[in-house]
């Protein structure tokens, strides 16, 4: 019984933090919506614009899905696993779209260099393939069991946090590759410090990549005990979509 109480306490803490991440997504959306209307709506249709809107609005749906898993009580193990899988698949979709946006930024920063585009597509497919493979293995490791007490939140009994850490390590590797590519382009093409593009890169680019880094989440996945390995996942997705 003590182990059950301990696991439920961890699940409660993780779920509450996940709920606060959903609130962050909503607040960020409302705060930036006037800028979206002013800056994005009037622009011509394009692939980057479409991907931007997909991520921005899907993040709201993902937050709703996460809350539908985290807050309800009394679900049986099959229901818990089904909702966990919905949120997990939704999570990997958020990561995928945010990765695509990062690579589009690098392509645009290179002034649409076709050779670089081919290289970016290749490494994006490579990183995503590895991440998907590890992600599938992780989801298969997650187990829920019947609770001896009624009306409790979902709490996975087993989950391979090491595999989840590898998923986020792959994502971080992808981010670092794009960051290094942009640094190389910045110093090769825009060495003049007065260049507006270089100014934007320093002011927004590096900070943007650092904010997207999943280093803390990787440490938690590898080192934290039990359910605490899920502690920052929803916050990573909130930052990815912001």
C-alpha atoms as a PDB file:
ATOM      1  CA  UNK A   1       0.000   0.000   0.000  1.00  0.00           C
ATOM      2  CA  UNK A   2       2.874   2.364   0.771  1.00  0.00           C
ATOM      3  CA  UNK A   3       4.270   1.800  -2.729  1.00  0.00           C
ATOM      4  CA  UNK A   4       0.864   2.559  -4.231  1.00  0.00           C
ATOM      5  CA  UNK A   5       0.570   5.798  -2.278  1.00  0.00           C
ATOM      6  CA  UNK A   6       4.093   6.750  -3.344  1.00  0.00           C
ATOM      7  CA  UNK A   7       3.351   6.070  -7.034  1.00  0.00           C
ATOM      8  CA  UNK A   8       0.073   7.989  -6.881  1.00  0.00           C
ATOM      9  CA  UNK A   9       1.797  10.945  -5.224  1.00  0.00           C
ATOM     10  CA  UNK A  10       4.339  11.048  -8.047  1.00  0.00           C
ATOM     11  CA  UNK A  11       1.583  10.756 -10.667  1.00  0.00           C
ATOM     12  CA  UNK A  12      -0.318  13.587  -8.997  1.00  0.00           C
ATOM     13  CA  UNK A  13       2.744  15.862  -9.002  1.00  0.00           C
ATOM     14  CA  UNK A  14       3.516  15.063 -12.646  1.00  0.00           C
ATOM     15  CA  UNK A  15      -0.105  15.595 -13.695  1.00  0.00           C
ATOM     16  CA  UNK A  16      -0.378  18.919 -11.883  1.00  0.00           C
ATOM     17  CA  UNK A  17       2.797  20.144 -13.551  1.00  0.00           C
ATOM     18  CA  UNK A  18       1.440  18.927 -16.890  1.00  0.00           C
ATOM     19  CA  UNK A  19      -1.782  20.847 -16.258  1.00  0.00           C
ATOM     20  CA  UNK A  20       0.227  24.000 -15.551  1.00  0.00           C
ATOM     21  CA  UNK A  21       2.009  23.493 -18.896  1.00  0.00           C
ATOM     22  CA  UNK A  22      -1.402  23.413 -20.601  1.00  0.00           C
ATOM     23  CA  UNK A  23      -2.255  26.702 -18.896  1.00  0.00           C
ATOM     24  CA  UNK A  24       1.045  28.131 -20.165  1.00  0.00           C
ATOM     25  CA  UNK A  25       0.143  27.144 -23.744  1.00  0.00           C
ATOM     26  CA  UNK A  26      -3.259  28.835 -23.457  1.00  0.00           C
ATOM     27  CA  UNK A  27      -1.858  32.003 -21.867  1.00  0.00           C
ATOM     28  CA  UNK A  28       0.895  32.225 -24.486  1.00  0.00           C
ATOM     29  CA  UNK A  29      -1.672  31.770 -27.256  1.00  0.00           C
ATOM     30  CA  UNK A  30      -3.921  34.529 -25.913  1.00  0.00           C
ATOM     31  CA  UNK A  31      -0.983  36.852 -25.274  1.00  0.00           C
ATOM     32  CA  UNK A  32       0.456  36.471 -28.777  1.00  0.00           C
ATOM     33  CA  UNK A  33      -2.832  36.253 -30.694  1.00  0.00           C
ATOM     34  CA  UNK A  34      -2.932  40.020 -31.499  1.00  0.00           C
ATOM     35  CA  UNK A  35       0.594  39.766 -32.937  1.00  0.00           C
ATOM     36  CA  UNK A  36      -0.466  36.721 -34.944  1.00  0.00           C
ATOM     37  CA  UNK A  37      -3.378  38.633 -36.459  1.00  0.00           C
ATOM     38  CA  UNK A  38      -1.192  41.651 -37.213  1.00  0.00           C
ATOM     39  CA  UNK A  39       1.913  39.898 -38.508  1.00  0.00           C
ATOM     40  CA  UNK A  40       0.902  36.472 -39.818  1.00  0.00           C
ATOM     41  CA  UNK A  41      -2.616  36.716 -41.171  1.00  0.00           C
ATOM     42  CA  UNK A  42      -1.865  39.310 -43.895  1.00  0.00           C
ATOM     43  CA  UNK A  43       1.170  37.433 -45.274  1.00  0.00           C
ATOM     44  CA  UNK A  44       0.898  35.347 -48.475  1.00  0.00           C
ATOM     45  CA  UNK A  45       0.256  31.635 -48.231  1.00  0.00           C
ATOM     46  CA  UNK A  46       3.410  29.544 -47.911  1.00  0.00           C
ATOM     47  CA  UNK A  47       4.641  26.243 -46.510  1.00  0.00           C
ATOM     48  CA  UNK A  48       6.323  27.864 -43.469  1.00  0.00           C
ATOM     49  CA  UNK A  49       3.130  29.768 -42.680  1.00  0.00           C
ATOM     50  CA  UNK A  50       1.069  26.573 -42.914  1.00  0.00           C
ATOM     51  CA  UNK A  51       3.444  24.651 -40.637  1.00  0.00           C
ATOM     52  CA  UNK A  52       3.459  27.557 -38.166  1.00  0.00           C
ATOM     53  CA  UNK A  53      -0.329  27.524 -37.893  1.00  0.00           C
ATOM     54  CA  UNK A  54      -0.459  23.725 -37.653  1.00  0.00           C
ATOM     55  CA  UNK A  55       1.876  23.752 -34.649  1.00  0.00           C
ATOM     56  CA  UNK A  56       0.306  26.801 -33.023  1.00  0.00           C
ATOM     57  CA  UNK A  57      -3.247  25.497 -33.075  1.00  0.00           C
ATOM     58  CA  UNK A  58      -2.458  21.819 -32.640  1.00  0.00           C
ATOM     59  CA  UNK A  59      -0.670  22.715 -29.396  1.00  0.00           C
ATOM     60  CA  UNK A  60      -4.073  23.690 -27.980  1.00  0.00           C
ATOM     61  CA  UNK A  61      -5.539  20.326 -28.985  1.00  0.00           C
ATOM     62  CA  UNK A  62      -2.536  18.512 -27.524  1.00  0.00           C
ATOM     63  CA  UNK A  63      -2.974  20.357 -24.224  1.00  0.00           C
ATOM     64  CA  UNK A  64      -6.629  19.308 -24.137  1.00  0.00           C
ATOM     65  CA  UNK A  65      -5.672  15.670 -24.783  1.00  0.00           C
ATOM     66  CA  UNK A  66      -3.066  15.803 -22.018  1.00  0.00           C
ATOM     67  CA  UNK A  67      -5.604  17.168 -19.536  1.00  0.00           C
ATOM     68  CA  UNK A  68      -8.096  14.440 -20.490  1.00  0.00           C
ATOM     69  CA  UNK A  69      -5.468  11.878 -19.483  1.00  0.00           C
ATOM     70  CA  UNK A  70      -4.049  13.645 -16.431  1.00  0.00           C
ATOM     71  CA  UNK A  71      -7.153  14.835 -14.572  1.00  0.00           C
ATOM     72  CA  UNK A  72      -9.899  12.145 -14.763  1.00  0.00           C
ATOM     73  CA  UNK A  73     -10.184   9.533 -12.031  1.00  0.00           C
ATOM     74  CA  UNK A  74     -11.476   5.992 -11.982  1.00  0.00           C
ATOM     75  CA  UNK A  75     -10.293   4.786 -15.403  1.00  0.00           C
ATOM     76  CA  UNK A  76      -9.356   1.124 -15.740  1.00  0.00           C
ATOM     77  CA  UNK A  77      -5.882   0.041 -16.993  1.00  0.00           C
ATOM     78  CA  UNK A  78      -7.043  -0.318 -20.601  1.00  0.00           C
ATOM     79  CA  UNK A  79      -8.538   3.176 -20.592  1.00  0.00           C
ATOM     80  CA  UNK A  80      -5.408   4.607 -18.973  1.00  0.00           C
ATOM     81  CA  UNK A  81      -3.169   2.950 -21.569  1.00  0.00           C
ATOM     82  CA  UNK A  82      -5.401   4.120 -24.426  1.00  0.00           C
ATOM     83  CA  UNK A  83      -5.327   7.730 -23.240  1.00  0.00           C
ATOM     84  CA  UNK A  84      -1.611   7.511 -22.526  1.00  0.00           C
ATOM     85  CA  UNK A  85      -1.030   6.363 -26.104  1.00  0.00           C
ATOM     86  CA  UNK A  86      -3.160   9.203 -27.500  1.00  0.00           C
ATOM     87  CA  UNK A  87      -1.120  11.753 -25.567  1.00  0.00           C
ATOM     88  CA  UNK A  88       2.165  10.029 -26.463  1.00  0.00           C
ATOM     89  CA  UNK A  89       1.399  10.001 -30.194  1.00  0.00           C
ATOM     90  CA  UNK A  90       0.245  13.608 -29.970  1.00  0.00           C
ATOM     91  CA  UNK A  91       3.511  14.475 -28.212  1.00  0.00           C
ATOM     92  CA  UNK A  92       5.656  12.997 -30.966  1.00  0.00           C
ATOM     93  CA  UNK A  93       3.600  14.944 -33.519  1.00  0.00           C
ATOM     94  CA  UNK A  94       4.339  18.202 -31.671  1.00  0.00           C
ATOM     95  CA  UNK A  95       8.045  17.345 -31.624  1.00  0.00           C
ATOM     96  CA  UNK A  96       7.997  16.472 -35.328  1.00  0.00           C
ATOM     97  CA  UNK A  97       6.327  19.708 -36.430  1.00  0.00           C
ATOM     98  CA  UNK A  98       8.597  21.821 -34.212  1.00  0.00           C
ATOM     99  CA  UNK A  99      11.620  20.054 -35.736  1.00  0.00           C
ATOM    100  CA  UNK A 100      10.342  20.812 -39.238  1.00  0.00           C
ATOM    101  CA  UNK A 101      10.060  24.496 -38.304  1.00  0.00           C
ATOM    102  CA  UNK A 102      13.652  24.514 -37.031  1.00  0.00           C
ATOM    103  CA  UNK A 103      14.920  23.073 -40.293  1.00  0.00           C
ATOM    104  CA  UNK A 104      12.842  25.561 -42.280  1.00  0.00           C
ATOM    105  CA  UNK A 105      14.496  28.363 -40.311  1.00  0.00           C
ATOM    106  CA  UNK A 106      17.931  27.048 -41.229  1.00  0.00           C
ATOM    107  CA  UNK A 107      16.940  26.759 -44.898  1.00  0.00           C
ATOM    108  CA  UNK A 108      15.574  30.311 -44.939  1.00  0.00           C
ATOM    109  CA  UNK A 109      18.689  31.591 -43.157  1.00  0.00           C
ATOM    110  CA  UNK A 110      20.837  30.085 -45.916  1.00  0.00           C
ATOM    111  CA  UNK A 111      18.873  32.136 -48.465  1.00  0.00           C
ATOM    112  CA  UNK A 112      17.278  28.911 -49.740  1.00  0.00           C
ATOM    113  CA  UNK A 113      20.406  27.042 -50.694  1.00  0.00           C
ATOM    114  CA  UNK A 114      19.236  23.922 -52.562  1.00  0.00           C
ATOM    115  CA  UNK A 115      22.244  21.803 -51.593  1.00  0.00           C
ATOM    116  CA  UNK A 116      21.704  22.647 -47.952  1.00  0.00           C
ATOM    117  CA  UNK A 117      18.011  21.810 -48.342  1.00  0.00           C
ATOM    118  CA  UNK A 118      18.886  18.292 -49.520  1.00  0.00           C
ATOM    119  CA  UNK A 119      21.250  17.867 -46.570  1.00  0.00           C
ATOM    120  CA  UNK A 120      18.674  19.191 -44.102  1.00  0.00           C
ATOM    121  CA  UNK A 121      15.990  16.830 -45.390  1.00  0.00           C
ATOM    122  CA  UNK A 122      18.383  13.887 -45.107  1.00  0.00           C
ATOM    123  CA  UNK A 123      19.405  14.544 -41.515  1.00  0.00           C
ATOM    124  CA  UNK A 124      15.833  15.402 -40.496  1.00  0.00           C
ATOM    125  CA  UNK A 125      14.590  12.057 -41.817  1.00  0.00           C
ATOM    126  CA  UNK A 126      17.500  10.307 -40.093  1.00  0.00           C
ATOM    127  CA  UNK A 127      16.903  11.920 -36.704  1.00  0.00           C
ATOM    128  CA  UNK A 128      13.135  11.424 -36.863  1.00  0.00           C
ATOM    129  CA  UNK A 129      13.503   7.775 -37.873  1.00  0.00           C
ATOM    130  CA  UNK A 130      15.706   7.085 -34.859  1.00  0.00           C
ATOM    131  CA  UNK A 131      13.372   9.035 -32.563  1.00  0.00           C
ATOM    132  CA  UNK A 132      10.288   7.173 -33.845  1.00  0.00           C
ATOM    133  CA  UNK A 133      11.979   3.791 -33.391  1.00  0.00           C
ATOM    134  CA  UNK A 134      12.940   4.591 -29.793  1.00  0.00           C
ATOM    135  CA  UNK A 135       9.524   6.109 -29.138  1.00  0.00           C
ATOM    136  CA  UNK A 136       7.688   2.949 -30.234  1.00  0.00           C
ATOM    137  CA  UNK A 137       9.920   0.800 -28.022  1.00  0.00           C
ATOM    138  CA  UNK A 138       9.248   3.150 -25.105  1.00  0.00           C
ATOM    139  CA  UNK A 139       5.452   3.047 -25.489  1.00  0.00           C
ATOM    140  CA  UNK A 140       5.568  -0.752 -25.512  1.00  0.00           C
ATOM    141  CA  UNK A 141       7.324  -0.670 -22.138  1.00  0.00           C
ATOM    142  CA  UNK A 142       4.531   1.295 -20.426  1.00  0.00           C
ATOM    143  CA  UNK A 143       2.237  -0.811 -18.237  1.00  0.00           C
ATOM    144  CA  UNK A 144      -0.847   0.000 -16.178  1.00  0.00           C
ATOM    145  CA  UNK A 145      -2.352  -2.407 -13.627  1.00  0.00           C
ATOM    146  CA  UNK A 146      -5.720  -2.461 -11.820  1.00  0.00           C
ATOM    147  CA  UNK A 147      -5.792  -0.254  -8.745  1.00  0.00           C
ATOM    148  CA  UNK A 148      -6.880  -1.779  -5.411  1.00  0.00           C
ATOM    149  CA  UNK A 149      -8.695   1.470  -4.653  1.00  0.00           C
ATOM    150  CA  UNK A 150     -11.455   3.117  -6.711  1.00  0.00           C
ATOM    151  CA  UNK A 151     -11.524   6.585  -8.222  1.00  0.00           C
ATOM    152  CA  UNK A 152      -7.770   7.102  -8.609  1.00  0.00           C
ATOM    153  CA  UNK A 153      -5.784   8.873 -11.328  1.00  0.00           C
ATOM    154  CA  UNK A 154      -3.857   6.928 -13.957  1.00  0.00           C
ATOM    155  CA  UNK A 155      -0.345   6.012 -12.828  1.00  0.00           C
ATOM    156  CA  UNK A 156       1.886   3.782 -14.999  1.00  0.00           C
ATOM    157  CA  UNK A 157       3.427   0.947 -13.019  1.00  0.00           C
ATOM    158  CA  UNK A 158       6.334   0.458 -15.428  1.00  0.00           C
ATOM    159  CA  UNK A 159       7.950   2.579 -18.130  1.00  0.00           C
ATOM    160  CA  UNK A 160      11.465   2.500 -19.561  1.00  0.00           C
ATOM    161  CA  UNK A 161      12.658   6.015 -18.808  1.00  0.00           C
ATOM    162  CA  UNK A 162      16.015   5.268 -20.399  1.00  0.00           C
ATOM    163  CA  UNK A 163      14.349   4.844 -23.802  1.00  0.00           C
ATOM    164  CA  UNK A 164      12.419   8.069 -23.306  1.00  0.00           C
ATOM    165  CA  UNK A 165      15.675   9.807 -22.455  1.00  0.00           C
ATOM    166  CA  UNK A 166      17.151   8.520 -25.706  1.00  0.00           C
ATOM    167  CA  UNK A 167      14.180   9.949 -27.621  1.00  0.00           C
ATOM    168  CA  UNK A 168      14.815  13.408 -26.206  1.00  0.00           C
ATOM    169  CA  UNK A 169      18.578  13.002 -26.651  1.00  0.00           C
ATOM    170  CA  UNK A 170      17.936  12.386 -30.351  1.00  0.00           C
ATOM    171  CA  UNK A 171      15.794  15.518 -30.470  1.00  0.00           C
ATOM    172  CA  UNK A 172      18.510  17.545 -28.754  1.00  0.00           C
ATOM    173  CA  UNK A 173      21.083  16.211 -31.219  1.00  0.00           C
ATOM    174  CA  UNK A 174      18.901  17.393 -34.083  1.00  0.00           C
ATOM    175  CA  UNK A 175      18.569  20.845 -32.514  1.00  0.00           C
ATOM    176  CA  UNK A 176      22.326  21.120 -32.005  1.00  0.00           C
ATOM    177  CA  UNK A 177      23.025  20.166 -35.626  1.00  0.00           C
ATOM    178  CA  UNK A 178      20.686  22.902 -36.882  1.00  0.00           C
ATOM    179  CA  UNK A 179      22.211  25.409 -34.463  1.00  0.00           C
ATOM    180  CA  UNK A 180      25.735  24.615 -35.695  1.00  0.00           C
ATOM    181  CA  UNK A 181      24.605  24.941 -39.311  1.00  0.00           C
ATOM    182  CA  UNK A 182      23.120  28.367 -38.600  1.00  0.00           C
ATOM    183  CA  UNK A 183      26.245  29.489 -36.745  1.00  0.00           C
ATOM    184  CA  UNK A 184      28.346  28.430 -39.738  1.00  0.00           C
ATOM    185  CA  UNK A 185      26.082  30.305 -42.157  1.00  0.00           C
ATOM    186  CA  UNK A 186      26.066  33.372 -39.906  1.00  0.00           C
ATOM    187  CA  UNK A 187      29.841  33.682 -39.859  1.00  0.00           C
ATOM    188  CA  UNK A 188      30.328  32.743 -43.484  1.00  0.00           C
ATOM    189  CA  UNK A 189      27.609  34.830 -45.105  1.00  0.00           C
ATOM    190  CA  UNK A 190      26.781  37.566 -42.593  1.00  0.00           C
ATOM    191  CA  UNK A 191      30.077  38.408 -40.937  1.00  0.00           C
ATOM    192  CA  UNK A 192      29.229  42.126 -40.967  1.00  0.00           C
ATOM    193  CA  UNK A 193      27.920  42.774 -37.469  1.00  0.00           C
ATOM    194  CA  UNK A 194      25.576  45.422 -38.827  1.00  0.00           C
ATOM    195  CA  UNK A 195      23.752  42.834 -40.921  1.00  0.00           C
ATOM    196  CA  UNK A 196      20.099  42.722 -39.921  1.00  0.00           C
ATOM    197  CA  UNK A 197      20.000  38.949 -40.363  1.00  0.00           C
ATOM    198  CA  UNK A 198      22.994  38.465 -38.078  1.00  0.00           C
ATOM    199  CA  UNK A 199      21.410  40.764 -35.514  1.00  0.00           C
ATOM    200  CA  UNK A 200      18.226  38.700 -35.598  1.00  0.00           C
ATOM    201  CA  UNK A 201      20.279  35.523 -35.272  1.00  0.00           C
ATOM    202  CA  UNK A 202      22.018  36.755 -32.133  1.00  0.00           C
ATOM    203  CA  UNK A 203      18.931  38.310 -30.582  1.00  0.00           C
ATOM    204  CA  UNK A 204      16.454  35.537 -31.331  1.00  0.00           C
ATOM    205  CA  UNK A 205      18.133  32.528 -32.888  1.00  0.00           C
ATOM    206  CA  UNK A 206      20.517  31.244 -30.225  1.00  0.00           C
ATOM    207  CA  UNK A 207      18.111  32.060 -27.397  1.00  0.00           C
ATOM    208  CA  UNK A 208      15.411  30.249 -29.328  1.00  0.00           C
ATOM    209  CA  UNK A 209      17.523  27.136 -29.723  1.00  0.00           C
ATOM    210  CA  UNK A 210      18.629  27.199 -26.100  1.00  0.00           C
ATOM    211  CA  UNK A 211      15.030  27.524 -24.921  1.00  0.00           C
ATOM    212  CA  UNK A 212      14.119  24.514 -27.042  1.00  0.00           C
ATOM    213  CA  UNK A 213      16.917  22.364 -25.715  1.00  0.00           C
ATOM    214  CA  UNK A 214      15.638  19.393 -23.782  1.00  0.00           C
ATOM    215  CA  UNK A 215      18.679  18.985 -21.580  1.00  0.00           C
ATOM    216  CA  UNK A 216      16.810  19.177 -18.272  1.00  0.00           C
ATOM    217  CA  UNK A 217      14.233  16.701 -19.479  1.00  0.00           C
ATOM    218  CA  UNK A 218      16.964  14.301 -20.611  1.00  0.00           C
ATOM    219  CA  UNK A 219      18.603  14.433 -17.175  1.00  0.00           C
ATOM    220  CA  UNK A 220      15.245  13.754 -15.527  1.00  0.00           C
ATOM    221  CA  UNK A 221      14.510  10.828 -17.859  1.00  0.00           C
ATOM    222  CA  UNK A 222      17.850   9.199 -17.117  1.00  0.00           C
ATOM    223  CA  UNK A 223      18.225  10.012 -13.428  1.00  0.00           C
ATOM    224  CA  UNK A 224      14.824  10.576 -11.817  1.00  0.00           C
ATOM    225  CA  UNK A 225      13.089   7.701 -10.041  1.00  0.00           C
ATOM    226  CA  UNK A 226       9.900   6.112 -11.346  1.00  0.00           C
ATOM    227  CA  UNK A 227       7.121   8.345 -12.593  1.00  0.00           C
ATOM    228  CA  UNK A 228       9.139  11.524 -12.093  1.00  0.00           C
ATOM    229  CA  UNK A 229      10.719  10.750 -15.458  1.00  0.00           C
ATOM    230  CA  UNK A 230       7.595  12.266 -17.033  1.00  0.00           C
ATOM    231  CA  UNK A 231       7.922  15.473 -14.994  1.00  0.00           C
ATOM    232  CA  UNK A 232       8.881  18.017 -17.677  1.00  0.00           C
ATOM    233  CA  UNK A 233       7.523  16.390 -20.834  1.00  0.00           C
ATOM    234  CA  UNK A 234       4.512  18.667 -21.230  1.00  0.00           C
ATOM    235  CA  UNK A 235       6.664  21.742 -20.574  1.00  0.00           C
ATOM    236  CA  UNK A 236       9.019  20.677 -23.363  1.00  0.00           C
ATOM    237  CA  UNK A 237       6.038  20.538 -25.718  1.00  0.00           C
ATOM    238  CA  UNK A 238       4.806  23.913 -24.443  1.00  0.00           C
ATOM    239  CA  UNK A 239       8.189  25.473 -25.286  1.00  0.00           C
ATOM    240  CA  UNK A 240       8.274  23.678 -28.643  1.00  0.00           C
ATOM    241  CA  UNK A 241       4.968  25.240 -29.643  1.00  0.00           C
ATOM    242  CA  UNK A 242       5.631  28.748 -28.348  1.00  0.00           C
END
